Amino acid sequence: MKNEIKAIEENKDGHVFTISQVINSDTQLSPELIDHLVAQGMDREQAERMTPARTSIRIMRAQYLETDVSVSDDTKAMIDKIKNQK
């Protein structure tokens, strides 16, 4: 499973959220879909080995970004870079 941050949003109340796209390739094709691919001419063994990539969106509260503790300039630059990649 791969988790890629797409955006960092800050609400007016100061709460910060990360919006991530999760790519999960641990799923397998259903037997019906495998049968359909074989009927279309694909080798059964090849169809059974296929694993589709399933994506979903995850929104999480990023409490570690909501702090008054001093943060190094390098860390601030990295956070700003992520925020600007919208």
Protein backbone atom coordinates (compact mmCIF):
# COMPACT_ATOMS: atom_id res chain seq x y z
CA MET A 1 0.00 0.00 0.00
CA LYS A 2 1.31 3.41 -0.97
CA ASN A 3 0.10 6.64 0.64
CA GLU A 4 0.78 9.91 -1.21
CA ILE A 5 -0.11 13.29 0.34
CA LYS A 6 -2.00 15.38 -2.22
CA ALA A 7 -2.81 18.45 -0.10
CA ILE A 8 -2.54 19.97 3.36
CA GLU A 9 -5.52 22.08 4.40
CA GLU A 10 -5.92 24.35 7.41
CA ASN A 11 -9.37 25.21 8.76
CA LYS A 12 -10.22 28.63 10.14
CA ASP A 13 -10.13 27.13 13.64
CA GLY A 14 -6.47 26.17 13.17
CA HIS A 15 -6.96 22.42 12.67
CA VAL A 16 -4.72 21.01 9.95
CA PHE A 17 -5.68 18.04 7.76
CA THR A 18 -3.71 16.02 5.22
CA ILE A 19 -5.50 14.73 2.14
CA SER A 20 -3.86 11.59 0.78
CA GLN A 21 -4.43 9.28 -2.14
CA VAL A 22 -4.00 5.68 -1.05
CA ILE A 23 -3.03 3.15 -3.70
CA ASN A 24 -3.69 -0.43 -2.62
CA SER A 25 -2.57 -3.15 -5.02
CA ASP A 26 -3.21 -6.07 -2.64
CA THR A 27 -6.56 -6.93 -4.22
CA GLN A 28 -7.19 -9.68 -6.75
CA LEU A 29 -9.60 -9.94 -9.65
CA SER A 30 -12.92 -11.68 -9.05
CA PRO A 31 -13.41 -15.15 -10.60
CA GLU A 32 -16.12 -13.70 -12.87
CA LEU A 33 -13.75 -11.07 -14.24
CA ILE A 34 -11.01 -13.67 -14.76
CA ASP A 35 -13.48 -15.84 -16.70
CA HIS A 36 -14.46 -12.82 -18.81
CA LEU A 37 -10.80 -12.03 -19.62
CA VAL A 38 -10.18 -15.68 -20.59
CA ALA A 39 -13.27 -15.57 -22.81
CA GLN A 40 -11.78 -12.50 -24.52
CA GLY A 41 -8.59 -14.46 -25.31
CA MET A 42 -6.28 -13.83 -22.32
CA ASP A 43 -4.29 -16.70 -20.85
CA ARG A 44 -5.96 -17.91 -17.61
CA GLU A 45 -2.69 -18.00 -15.66
CA GLN A 46 -1.89 -14.42 -16.70
CA ALA A 47 -5.41 -13.26 -15.75
CA GLU A 48 -5.12 -14.89 -12.30
CA ARG A 49 -1.79 -13.10 -11.65
CA MET A 50 -3.22 -9.65 -12.40
CA THR A 51 -3.71 -7.36 -9.41
CA PRO A 52 -5.65 -4.16 -10.01
CA ALA A 53 -4.59 -0.94 -8.31
CA ARG A 54 -7.39 0.40 -6.15
CA THR A 55 -7.23 4.01 -5.03
CA SER A 56 -9.08 5.86 -2.32
CA ILE A 57 -8.86 9.24 -0.62
CA ARG A 58 -7.94 9.54 3.06
CA ILE A 59 -8.41 12.71 5.10
CA MET A 60 -6.58 12.72 8.42
CA ARG A 61 -6.13 15.31 11.10
CA ALA A 62 -2.46 16.30 11.22
CA GLN A 63 -2.14 17.28 14.87
CA TYR A 64 1.64 17.25 14.61
CA LEU A 65 1.36 20.37 12.40
CA GLU A 66 -0.77 22.15 15.06
CA THR A 67 1.88 23.15 17.54
CA ASP A 68 3.49 26.20 19.04
CA VAL A 69 6.78 24.36 19.45
CA SER A 70 9.55 25.90 17.41
CA VAL A 71 10.19 24.13 14.12
CA SER A 72 13.44 24.23 12.20
CA ASP A 73 13.61 26.24 8.98
CA ASP A 74 14.25 23.06 6.98
CA THR A 75 11.06 21.49 8.34
CA LYS A 76 9.04 24.64 7.61
CA ALA A 77 10.41 24.68 4.05
CA MET A 78 9.41 21.03 3.57
CA ILE A 79 5.88 21.70 4.89
CA ASP A 80 5.53 24.74 2.63
CA LYS A 81 6.73 22.70 -0.35
CA ILE A 82 4.03 20.07 0.32
CA LYS A 83 1.37 22.78 0.75
CA ASN A 84 2.34 24.41 -2.55
CA GLN A 85 2.13 21.15 -4.57
CA LYS A 86 -1.65 21.49 -5.00
